[in-house]
Amino acid sequence: MRLPYLTLLYLLPLAVYAEEPWGKVDLQTAKPLHEKSCISCHVRMYGGDGSKMYTRDGRMLSDRLELLQRVATCNARVSAGWFPDEEAAVAAWLNQQYYHFAR
């Protein structure tokens, strides 16, 4: 189903006011989740403390939404069993610690 062109123009201003892709999160829960489910895999891949996953040249993420999607993918890949709010918290924490993507 296609929306009429004018309808899309009316919806465009709503995108400007859209909430962060992860919404409001509890950052206190993110670090322990990350340490439990992510670090061992990242250490196997990059050595050291695994943080090179986030700081290496040529990293493939370019914005907050891609970061959230990557966290969700990794959650599924390693069967961490996180709920969407936990994925969102980890994505927000990673952005705060490593990526610093602007809104």
PDB file of N, CA and C in Angstrom:
ATOM      1  N   MET A   1       0.850  -1.173   0.000  1.00  0.00           N
ATOM      2  CA  MET A   1       0.000   0.000   0.000  1.00  0.00           C
ATOM      3  C   MET A   1       0.897   1.238   0.000  1.00  0.00           C
ATOM      4  N   ARG A   2       0.602   2.167  -0.883  1.00  0.00           N
ATOM      5  CA  ARG A   2       1.386   3.397  -0.973  1.00  0.00           C
ATOM      6  C   ARG A   2       0.644   4.535  -0.293  1.00  0.00           C
ATOM      7  N   LEU A   3       1.406   5.298   0.460  1.00  0.00           N
ATOM      8  CA  LEU A   3       0.834   6.488   1.067  1.00  0.00           C
ATOM      9  C   LEU A   3       0.910   7.638   0.076  1.00  0.00           C
ATOM     10  N   PRO A   4      -0.120   8.452   0.041  1.00  0.00           N
ATOM     11  CA  PRO A   4      -0.054   9.620  -0.832  1.00  0.00           C
ATOM     12  C   PRO A   4       1.115  10.519  -0.428  1.00  0.00           C
ATOM     13  N   TYR A   5       1.676  11.185  -1.404  1.00  0.00           N
ATOM     14  CA  TYR A   5       2.834  12.051  -1.206  1.00  0.00           C
ATOM     15  C   TYR A   5       2.585  13.082  -0.104  1.00  0.00           C
ATOM     16  N   LEU A   6       1.434  13.691  -0.067  1.00  0.00           N
ATOM     17  CA  LEU A   6       1.145  14.707   0.947  1.00  0.00           C
ATOM     18  C   LEU A   6       1.122  14.111   2.350  1.00  0.00           C
ATOM     19  N   THR A   7       0.675  12.898   2.485  1.00  0.00           N
ATOM     20  CA  THR A   7       0.675  12.257   3.797  1.00  0.00           C
ATOM     21  C   THR A   7       2.092  12.130   4.316  1.00  0.00           C
ATOM     22  N   LEU A   8       3.012  11.767   3.447  1.00  0.00           N
ATOM     23  CA  LEU A   8       4.416  11.652   3.858  1.00  0.00           C
ATOM     24  C   LEU A   8       4.973  12.997   4.304  1.00  0.00           C
ATOM     25  N   LEU A   9       4.582  14.051   3.623  1.00  0.00           N
ATOM     26  CA  LEU A   9       5.044  15.385   4.026  1.00  0.00           C
ATOM     27  C   LEU A   9       4.535  15.758   5.413  1.00  0.00           C
ATOM     28  N   TYR A  10       3.334  15.323   5.751  1.00  0.00           N
ATOM     29  CA  TYR A  10       2.793  15.606   7.083  1.00  0.00           C
ATOM     30  C   TYR A  10       3.507  14.801   8.163  1.00  0.00           C
ATOM     31  N   LEU A  11       3.980  13.623   7.823  1.00  0.00           N
ATOM     32  CA  LEU A  11       4.650  12.773   8.796  1.00  0.00           C
ATOM     33  C   LEU A  11       6.114  13.147   9.002  1.00  0.00           C
ATOM     34  N   LEU A  12       6.718  13.821   8.066  1.00  0.00           N
ATOM     35  CA  LEU A  12       8.131  14.157   8.139  1.00  0.00           C
ATOM     36  C   LEU A  12       8.521  14.909   9.416  1.00  0.00           C
ATOM     37  N   PRO A  13       7.774  15.909   9.860  1.00  0.00           N
ATOM     38  CA  PRO A  13       8.176  16.601  11.093  1.00  0.00           C
ATOM     39  C   PRO A  13       8.218  15.683  12.308  1.00  0.00           C
ATOM     40  N   LEU A  14       7.459  14.612  12.326  1.00  0.00           N
ATOM     41  CA  LEU A  14       7.483  13.692  13.451  1.00  0.00           C
ATOM     42  C   LEU A  14       8.835  13.004  13.577  1.00  0.00           C
ATOM     43  N   ALA A  15       9.501  12.782  12.470  1.00  0.00           N
ATOM     44  CA  ALA A  15      10.812  12.137  12.498  1.00  0.00           C
ATOM     45  C   ALA A  15      11.837  12.990  13.226  1.00  0.00           C
ATOM     46  N   VAL A  16      11.688  14.289  13.160  1.00  0.00           N
ATOM     47  CA  VAL A  16      12.613  15.190  13.833  1.00  0.00           C
ATOM     48  C   VAL A  16      12.513  15.027  15.343  1.00  0.00           C
ATOM     49  N   TYR A  17      11.318  14.736  15.842  1.00  0.00           N
ATOM     50  CA  TYR A  17      11.097  14.606  17.266  1.00  0.00           C
ATOM     51  C   TYR A  17      11.139  13.161  17.746  1.00  0.00           C
ATOM     52  N   ALA A  18      11.558  12.258  16.899  1.00  0.00           N
ATOM     53  CA  ALA A  18      11.611  10.848  17.281  1.00  0.00           C
ATOM     54  C   ALA A  18      12.579  10.655  18.437  1.00  0.00           C
ATOM     55  N   GLU A  19      12.241   9.756  19.294  1.00  0.00           N
ATOM     56  CA  GLU A  19      13.076   9.436  20.443  1.00  0.00           C
ATOM     57  C   GLU A  19      14.311   8.673  19.983  1.00  0.00           C
ATOM     58  N   GLU A  20      15.323   8.654  20.830  1.00  0.00           N
ATOM     59  CA  GLU A  20      16.513   7.865  20.549  1.00  0.00           C
ATOM     60  C   GLU A  20      16.075   6.466  20.119  1.00  0.00           C
ATOM     61  N   PRO A  21      16.868   5.796  19.299  1.00  0.00           N
ATOM     62  CA  PRO A  21      16.450   4.460  18.879  1.00  0.00           C
ATOM     63  C   PRO A  21      16.305   3.498  20.048  1.00  0.00           C
ATOM     64  N   TRP A  22      16.992   3.772  21.160  1.00  0.00           N
ATOM     65  CA  TRP A  22      16.878   2.863  22.296  1.00  0.00           C
ATOM     66  C   TRP A  22      15.982   3.404  23.393  1.00  0.00           C
ATOM     67  N   GLY A  23      15.411   4.591  23.220  1.00  0.00           N
ATOM     68  CA  GLY A  23      14.497   5.132  24.224  1.00  0.00           C
ATOM     69  C   GLY A  23      15.215   5.431  25.529  1.00  0.00           C
ATOM     70  N   LYS A  24      14.474   5.460  26.621  1.00  0.00           N
ATOM     71  CA  LYS A  24      15.055   5.705  27.939  1.00  0.00           C
ATOM     72  C   LYS A  24      15.508   4.366  28.503  1.00  0.00           C
ATOM     73  N   VAL A  25      16.756   4.314  28.935  1.00  0.00           N
ATOM     74  CA  VAL A  25      17.328   3.056  29.395  1.00  0.00           C
ATOM     75  C   VAL A  25      18.014   3.226  30.746  1.00  0.00           C
ATOM     76  N   ASP A  26      18.252   2.116  31.394  1.00  0.00           N
ATOM     77  CA  ASP A  26      18.990   2.080  32.653  1.00  0.00           C
ATOM     78  C   ASP A  26      20.423   1.669  32.341  1.00  0.00           C
ATOM     79  N   LEU A  27      21.309   2.636  32.271  1.00  0.00           N
ATOM     80  CA  LEU A  27      22.699   2.359  31.926  1.00  0.00           C
ATOM     81  C   LEU A  27      23.412   1.519  32.983  1.00  0.00           C
ATOM     82  N   GLN A  28      22.907   1.495  34.209  1.00  0.00           N
ATOM     83  CA  GLN A  28      23.535   0.704  35.266  1.00  0.00           C
ATOM     84  C   GLN A  28      23.483  -0.796  34.965  1.00  0.00           C
ATOM     85  N   THR A  29      22.485  -1.228  34.218  1.00  0.00           N
ATOM     86  CA  THR A  29      22.357  -2.653  33.894  1.00  0.00           C
ATOM     87  C   THR A  29      23.224  -3.067  32.716  1.00  0.00           C
ATOM     88  N   ALA A  30      23.671  -2.104  31.928  1.00  0.00           N
ATOM     89  CA  ALA A  30      24.333  -2.413  30.662  1.00  0.00           C
ATOM     90  C   ALA A  30      25.727  -3.017  30.829  1.00  0.00           C
ATOM     91  N   LYS A  31      26.545  -2.426  31.664  1.00  0.00           N
ATOM     92  CA  LYS A  31      27.924  -2.907  31.788  1.00  0.00           C
ATOM     93  C   LYS A  31      27.990  -4.364  32.247  1.00  0.00           C
ATOM     94  N   PRO A  32      27.239  -4.761  33.280  1.00  0.00           N
ATOM     95  CA  PRO A  32      27.272  -6.177  33.674  1.00  0.00           C
ATOM     96  C   PRO A  32      26.771  -7.115  32.564  1.00  0.00           C
ATOM     97  N   LEU A  33      25.768  -6.705  31.820  1.00  0.00           N
ATOM     98  CA  LEU A  33      25.284  -7.527  30.707  1.00  0.00           C
ATOM     99  C   LEU A  33      26.380  -7.678  29.655  1.00  0.00           C
ATOM    100  N   HIS A  34      27.023  -6.583  29.341  1.00  0.00           N
ATOM    101  CA  HIS A  34      28.107  -6.581  28.354  1.00  0.00           C
ATOM    102  C   HIS A  34      29.251  -7.479  28.818  1.00  0.00           C
ATOM    103  N   GLU A  35      29.641  -7.344  30.076  1.00  0.00           N
ATOM    104  CA  GLU A  35      30.745  -8.151  30.591  1.00  0.00           C
ATOM    105  C   GLU A  35      30.415  -9.636  30.564  1.00  0.00           C
ATOM    106  N   LYS A  36      29.193  -9.983  30.884  1.00  0.00           N
ATOM    107  CA  LYS A  36      28.794 -11.396  30.946  1.00  0.00           C
ATOM    108  C   LYS A  36      28.687 -12.030  29.560  1.00  0.00           C
ATOM    109  N   SER A  37      28.154 -11.302  28.585  1.00  0.00           N
ATOM    110  CA  SER A  37      27.805 -11.931  27.308  1.00  0.00           C
ATOM    111  C   SER A  37      28.659 -11.528  26.117  1.00  0.00           C
ATOM    112  N   CYS A  38      29.395 -10.438  26.199  1.00  0.00           N
ATOM    113  CA  CYS A  38      30.081  -9.916  25.012  1.00  0.00           C
ATOM    114  C   CYS A  38      31.595 -10.061  25.047  1.00  0.00           C
ATOM    115  N   ILE A  39      32.182  -9.792  26.185  1.00  0.00           N
ATOM    116  CA  ILE A  39      33.631  -9.654  26.242  1.00  0.00           C
ATOM    117  C   ILE A  39      34.362 -10.919  25.805  1.00  0.00           C
ATOM    118  N   SER A  40      33.920 -12.081  26.244  1.00  0.00           N
ATOM    119  CA  SER A  40      34.665 -13.303  25.904  1.00  0.00           C
ATOM    120  C   SER A  40      34.735 -13.509  24.394  1.00  0.00           C
ATOM    121  N   CYS A  41      33.670 -13.231  23.687  1.00  0.00           N
ATOM    122  CA  CYS A  41      33.660 -13.360  22.224  1.00  0.00           C
ATOM    123  C   CYS A  41      34.593 -12.323  21.595  1.00  0.00           C
ATOM    124  N   HIS A  42      34.544 -11.107  22.067  1.00  0.00           N
ATOM    125  CA  HIS A  42      35.378 -10.040  21.510  1.00  0.00           C
ATOM    126  C   HIS A  42      36.856 -10.296  21.784  1.00  0.00           C
ATOM    127  N   VAL A  43      37.169 -10.862  22.940  1.00  0.00           N
ATOM    128  CA  VAL A  43      38.562 -11.211  23.250  1.00  0.00           C
ATOM    129  C   VAL A  43      39.043 -12.294  22.295  1.00  0.00           C
ATOM    130  N   ARG A  44      38.202 -13.295  22.034  1.00  0.00           N
ATOM    131  CA  ARG A  44      38.581 -14.337  21.074  1.00  0.00           C
ATOM    132  C   ARG A  44      38.850 -13.748  19.695  1.00  0.00           C
ATOM    133  N   MET A  45      38.065 -12.749  19.312  1.00  0.00           N
ATOM    134  CA  MET A  45      38.194 -12.163  17.983  1.00  0.00           C
ATOM    135  C   MET A  45      39.363 -11.187  17.865  1.00  0.00           C
ATOM    136  N   TYR A  46      39.591 -10.373  18.917  1.00  0.00           N
ATOM    137  CA  TYR A  46      40.555  -9.273  18.820  1.00  0.00           C
ATOM    138  C   TYR A  46      41.655  -9.289  19.865  1.00  0.00           C
ATOM    139  N   GLY A  47      41.577 -10.196  20.817  1.00  0.00           N
ATOM    140  CA  GLY A  47      42.593 -10.250  21.860  1.00  0.00           C
ATOM    141  C   GLY A  47      42.451  -9.128  22.864  1.00  0.00           C
ATOM    142  N   GLY A  48      43.424  -9.043  23.751  1.00  0.00           N
ATOM    143  CA  GLY A  48      43.414  -7.995  24.776  1.00  0.00           C
ATOM    144  C   GLY A  48      42.170  -8.057  25.626  1.00  0.00           C
ATOM    145  N   ASP A  49      41.567  -6.900  25.834  1.00  0.00           N
ATOM    146  CA  ASP A  49      40.337  -6.840  26.622  1.00  0.00           C
ATOM    147  C   ASP A  49      39.084  -6.851  25.736  1.00  0.00           C
ATOM    148  N   GLY A  50      39.264  -6.995  24.429  1.00  0.00           N
ATOM    149  CA  GLY A  50      38.134  -7.062  23.497  1.00  0.00           C
ATOM    150  C   GLY A  50      37.616  -5.720  23.032  1.00  0.00           C
ATOM    151  N   SER A  51      38.124  -4.633  23.596  1.00  0.00           N
ATOM    152  CA  SER A  51      37.593  -3.311  23.236  1.00  0.00           C
ATOM    153  C   SER A  51      37.978  -2.882  21.827  1.00  0.00           C
ATOM    154  N   LYS A  52      38.943  -3.566  21.229  1.00  0.00           N
ATOM    155  CA  LYS A  52      39.319  -3.225  19.853  1.00  0.00           C
ATOM    156  C   LYS A  52      38.125  -3.415  18.908  1.00  0.00           C
ATOM    157  N   MET A  53      37.178  -4.255  19.310  1.00  0.00           N
ATOM    158  CA  MET A  53      35.947  -4.438  18.532  1.00  0.00           C
ATOM    159  C   MET A  53      35.309  -3.085  18.245  1.00  0.00           C
ATOM    160  N   TYR A  54      35.399  -2.180  19.203  1.00  0.00           N
ATOM    161  CA  TYR A  54      34.713  -0.890  19.086  1.00  0.00           C
ATOM    162  C   TYR A  54      35.620   0.226  18.581  1.00  0.00           C
ATOM    163  N   THR A  55      36.921   0.062  18.699  1.00  0.00           N
ATOM    164  CA  THR A  55      37.828   1.173  18.401  1.00  0.00           C
ATOM    165  C   THR A  55      38.665   0.959  17.146  1.00  0.00           C
ATOM    166  N   ARG A  56      38.552  -0.190  16.516  1.00  0.00           N
ATOM    167  CA  ARG A  56      39.398  -0.495  15.358  1.00  0.00           C
ATOM    168  C   ARG A  56      39.083   0.403  14.169  1.00  0.00           C
ATOM    169  N   ASP A  57      40.072   0.575  13.304  1.00  0.00           N
ATOM    170  CA  ASP A  57      39.850   1.278  12.047  1.00  0.00           C
ATOM    171  C   ASP A  57      38.912   0.435  11.186  1.00  0.00           C
ATOM    172  N   GLY A  58      38.068   1.080  10.440  1.00  0.00           N
ATOM    173  CA  GLY A  58      37.177   0.369   9.533  1.00  0.00           C
ATOM    174  C   GLY A  58      35.972  -0.256  10.200  1.00  0.00           C
ATOM    175  N   ARG A  59      35.654   0.154  11.430  1.00  0.00           N
ATOM    176  CA  ARG A  59      34.450  -0.405  12.043  1.00  0.00           C
ATOM    177  C   ARG A  59      33.256  -0.067  11.172  1.00  0.00           C
ATOM    178  N   MET A  60      32.261  -0.913  11.191  1.00  0.00           N
ATOM    179  CA  MET A  60      31.205  -0.827  10.194  1.00  0.00           C
ATOM    180  C   MET A  60      29.962  -0.057  10.642  1.00  0.00           C
ATOM    181  N   LEU A  61      29.882   0.367  11.855  1.00  0.00           N
ATOM    182  CA  LEU A  61      28.696   1.068  12.337  1.00  0.00           C
ATOM    183  C   LEU A  61      28.854   2.567  12.143  1.00  0.00           C
ATOM    184  N   SER A  62      27.756   3.217  11.749  1.00  0.00           N
ATOM    185  CA  SER A  62      27.869   4.648  11.477  1.00  0.00           C
ATOM    186  C   SER A  62      26.833   5.500  12.196  1.00  0.00           C
ATOM    187  N   ASP A  63      25.874   4.873  12.895  1.00  0.00           N
ATOM    188  CA  ASP A  63      24.906   5.672  13.641  1.00  0.00           C
ATOM    189  C   ASP A  63      24.274   4.843  14.756  1.00  0.00           C
ATOM    190  N   ARG A  64      23.434   5.472  15.544  1.00  0.00           N
ATOM    191  CA  ARG A  64      22.834   4.846  16.720  1.00  0.00           C
ATOM    192  C   ARG A  64      21.920   3.690  16.365  1.00  0.00           C
ATOM    193  N   LEU A  65      21.175   3.815  15.307  1.00  0.00           N
ATOM    194  CA  LEU A  65      20.268   2.741  14.916  1.00  0.00           C
ATOM    195  C   LEU A  65      21.058   1.498  14.501  1.00  0.00           C
ATOM    196  N   GLU A  66      22.127   1.687  13.751  1.00  0.00           N
ATOM    197  CA  GLU A  66      22.960   0.541  13.368  1.00  0.00           C
ATOM    198  C   GLU A  66      23.577  -0.125  14.596  1.00  0.00           C
ATOM    199  N   LEU A  67      23.948   0.673  15.577  1.00  0.00           N
ATOM    200  CA  LEU A  67      24.497   0.119  16.813  1.00  0.00           C
ATOM    201  C   LEU A  67      23.457  -0.735  17.526  1.00  0.00           C
ATOM    202  N   LEU A  68      22.254  -0.234  17.638  1.00  0.00           N
ATOM    203  CA  LEU A  68      21.178  -0.997  18.278  1.00  0.00           C
ATOM    204  C   LEU A  68      20.908  -2.292  17.518  1.00  0.00           C
ATOM    205  N   GLN A  69      20.904  -2.223  16.214  1.00  0.00           N
ATOM    206  CA  GLN A  69      20.681  -3.422  15.405  1.00  0.00           C
ATOM    207  C   GLN A  69      21.804  -4.432  15.600  1.00  0.00           C
ATOM    208  N   ARG A  70      23.042  -3.957  15.688  1.00  0.00           N
ATOM    209  CA  ARG A  70      24.177  -4.866  15.889  1.00  0.00           C
ATOM    210  C   ARG A  70      24.089  -5.557  17.246  1.00  0.00           C
ATOM    211  N   VAL A  71      23.722  -4.810  18.276  1.00  0.00           N
ATOM    212  CA  VAL A  71      23.587  -5.410  19.607  1.00  0.00           C
ATOM    213  C   VAL A  71      22.497  -6.484  19.582  1.00  0.00           C
ATOM    214  N   ALA A  72      21.389  -6.203  18.909  1.00  0.00           N
ATOM    215  CA  ALA A  72      20.319  -7.193  18.809  1.00  0.00           C
ATOM    216  C   ALA A  72      20.791  -8.442  18.066  1.00  0.00           C
ATOM    217  N   THR A  73      21.573  -8.247  17.017  1.00  0.00           N
ATOM    218  CA  THR A  73      22.107  -9.376  16.257  1.00  0.00           C
ATOM    219  C   THR A  73      23.047 -10.214  17.121  1.00  0.00           C
ATOM    220  N   CYS A  74      23.936  -9.551  17.848  1.00  0.00           N
ATOM    221  CA  CYS A  74      24.860 -10.283  18.717  1.00  0.00           C
ATOM    222  C   CYS A  74      24.111 -11.002  19.830  1.00  0.00           C
ATOM    223  N   ASN A  75      23.091 -10.390  20.377  1.00  0.00           N
ATOM    224  CA  ASN A  75      22.268 -11.031  21.399  1.00  0.00           C
ATOM    225  C   ASN A  75      21.713 -12.349  20.871  1.00  0.00           C
ATOM    226  N   ALA A  76      21.198 -12.320  19.664  1.00  0.00           N
ATOM    227  CA  ALA A  76      20.650 -13.540  19.067  1.00  0.00           C
ATOM    228  C   ALA A  76      21.751 -14.548  18.750  1.00  0.00           C
ATOM    229  N   ARG A  77      22.872 -14.059  18.250  1.00  0.00           N
ATOM    230  CA  ARG A  77      23.969 -14.939  17.833  1.00  0.00           C
ATOM    231  C   ARG A  77      24.552 -15.725  18.999  1.00  0.00           C
ATOM    232  N   VAL A  78      24.713 -15.075  20.151  1.00  0.00           N
ATOM    233  CA  VAL A  78      25.314 -15.760  21.293  1.00  0.00           C
ATOM    234  C   VAL A  78      24.273 -16.303  22.266  1.00  0.00           C
ATOM    235  N   SER A  79      22.999 -16.141  21.908  1.00  0.00           N
ATOM    236  CA  SER A  79      21.891 -16.620  22.754  1.00  0.00           C
ATOM    237  C   SER A  79      21.977 -16.069  24.172  1.00  0.00           C
ATOM    238  N   ALA A  80      22.226 -14.769  24.266  1.00  0.00           N
ATOM    239  CA  ALA A  80      22.332 -14.126  25.578  1.00  0.00           C
ATOM    240  C   ALA A  80      20.984 -14.074  26.288  1.00  0.00           C
ATOM    241  N   GLY A  81      19.901 -14.047  25.526  1.00  0.00           N
ATOM    242  CA  GLY A  81      18.570 -14.038  26.134  1.00  0.00           C
ATOM    243  C   GLY A  81      18.129 -12.688  26.656  1.00  0.00           C
ATOM    244  N   TRP A  82      18.735 -11.626  26.135  1.00  0.00           N
ATOM    245  CA  TRP A  82      18.357 -10.292  26.589  1.00  0.00           C
ATOM    246  C   TRP A  82      16.995  -9.899  26.040  1.00  0.00           C
ATOM    247  N   PHE A  83      16.287  -9.128  26.827  1.00  0.00           N
ATOM    248  CA  PHE A  83      15.041  -8.509  26.387  1.00  0.00           C
ATOM    249  C   PHE A  83      15.384  -7.234  25.618  1.00  0.00           C
ATOM    250  N   PRO A  84      14.442  -6.703  24.831  1.00  0.00           N
ATOM    251  CA  PRO A  84      14.727  -5.486  24.053  1.00  0.00           C
ATOM    252  C   PRO A  84      15.230  -4.318  24.894  1.00  0.00           C
ATOM    253  N   ASP A  85      14.722  -4.155  26.114  1.00  0.00           N
ATOM    254  CA  ASP A  85      15.204  -3.047  26.939  1.00  0.00           C
ATOM    255  C   ASP A  85      16.653  -3.261  27.372  1.00  0.00           C
ATOM    256  N   GLU A  86      17.068  -4.504  27.522  1.00  0.00           N
ATOM    257  CA  GLU A  86      18.460  -4.792  27.857  1.00  0.00           C
ATOM    258  C   GLU A  86      19.366  -4.558  26.649  1.00  0.00           C
ATOM    259  N   GLU A  87      18.904  -4.944  25.467  1.00  0.00           N
ATOM    260  CA  GLU A  87      19.656  -4.635  24.240  1.00  0.00           C
ATOM    261  C   GLU A  87      19.839  -3.129  24.111  1.00  0.00           C
ATOM    262  N   ALA A  88      18.771  -2.399  24.370  1.00  0.00           N
ATOM    263  CA  ALA A  88      18.811  -0.940  24.255  1.00  0.00           C
ATOM    264  C   ALA A  88      19.787  -0.340  25.259  1.00  0.00           C
ATOM    265  N   ALA A  89      19.792  -0.865  26.468  1.00  0.00           N
ATOM    266  CA  ALA A  89      20.714  -0.356  27.492  1.00  0.00           C
ATOM    267  C   ALA A  89      22.161  -0.588  27.081  1.00  0.00           C
ATOM    268  N   VAL A  90      22.462  -1.775  26.561  1.00  0.00           N
ATOM    269  CA  VAL A  90      23.830  -2.074  26.139  1.00  0.00           C
ATOM    270  C   VAL A  90      24.232  -1.180  24.965  1.00  0.00           C
ATOM    271  N   ALA A  91      23.324  -0.985  24.014  1.00  0.00           N
ATOM    272  CA  ALA A  91      23.627  -0.111  22.879  1.00  0.00           C
ATOM    273  C   ALA A  91      23.895   1.316  23.350  1.00  0.00           C
ATOM    274  N   ALA A  92      23.090   1.820  24.251  1.00  0.00           N
ATOM    275  CA  ALA A  92      23.286   3.177  24.765  1.00  0.00           C
ATOM    276  C   ALA A  92      24.606   3.277  25.528  1.00  0.00           C
ATOM    277  N   TRP A  93      24.922   2.261  26.314  1.00  0.00           N
ATOM    278  CA  TRP A  93      26.176   2.248  27.065  1.00  0.00           C
ATOM    279  C   TRP A  93      27.380   2.215  26.118  1.00  0.00           C
ATOM    280  N   LEU A  94      27.318   1.367  25.089  1.00  0.00           N
ATOM    281  CA  LEU A  94      28.401   1.308  24.105  1.00  0.00           C
ATOM    282  C   LEU A  94      28.576   2.651  23.403  1.00  0.00           C
ATOM    283  N   ASN A  95      27.468   3.299  23.099  1.00  0.00           N
ATOM    284  CA  ASN A  95      27.564   4.613  22.468  1.00  0.00           C
ATOM    285  C   ASN A  95      28.249   5.609  23.403  1.00  0.00           C
ATOM    286  N   GLN A  96      27.891   5.558  24.664  1.00  0.00           N
ATOM    287  CA  GLN A  96      28.480   6.469  25.646  1.00  0.00           C
ATOM    288  C   GLN A  96      29.973   6.186  25.846  1.00  0.00           C
ATOM    289  N   GLN A  97      30.349   4.924  25.857  1.00  0.00           N
ATOM    290  CA  GLN A  97      31.734   4.535  26.141  1.00  0.00           C
ATOM    291  C   GLN A  97      32.662   4.620  24.933  1.00  0.00           C
ATOM    292  N   TYR A  98      32.162   4.244  23.751  1.00  0.00           N
ATOM    293  CA  TYR A  98      33.037   4.071  22.590  1.00  0.00           C
ATOM    294  C   TYR A  98      32.665   4.874  21.350  1.00  0.00           C
ATOM    295  N   TYR A  99      31.410   4.836  20.970  1.00  0.00           N
ATOM    296  CA  TYR A  99      31.045   5.345  19.642  1.00  0.00           C
ATOM    297  C   TYR A  99      30.808   6.855  19.603  1.00  0.00           C
ATOM    298  N   HIS A 100      30.093   7.371  20.561  1.00  0.00           N
ATOM    299  CA  HIS A 100      29.801   8.806  20.641  1.00  0.00           C
ATOM    300  C   HIS A 100      29.054   9.320  19.404  1.00  0.00           C
ATOM    301  N   PHE A 101      28.104   8.518  18.916  1.00  0.00           N
ATOM    302  CA  PHE A 101      27.286   8.977  17.801  1.00  0.00           C
ATOM    303  C   PHE A 101      26.374  10.089  18.273  1.00  0.00           C
ATOM    304  N   ALA A 102      26.326  11.159  17.520  1.00  0.00           N
ATOM    305  CA  ALA A 102      25.447  12.278  17.845  1.00  0.00           C
ATOM    306  C   ALA A 102      24.025  11.921  17.481  1.00  0.00           C
ATOM    307  N   ARG A 103      23.111  12.630  18.072  1.00  0.00           N
ATOM    308  CA  ARG A 103      21.692  12.390  17.803  1.00  0.00           C
ATOM    309  C   ARG A 103      21.357  12.677  16.392  1.00  0.00           C
TER     310      ARG A 103
END
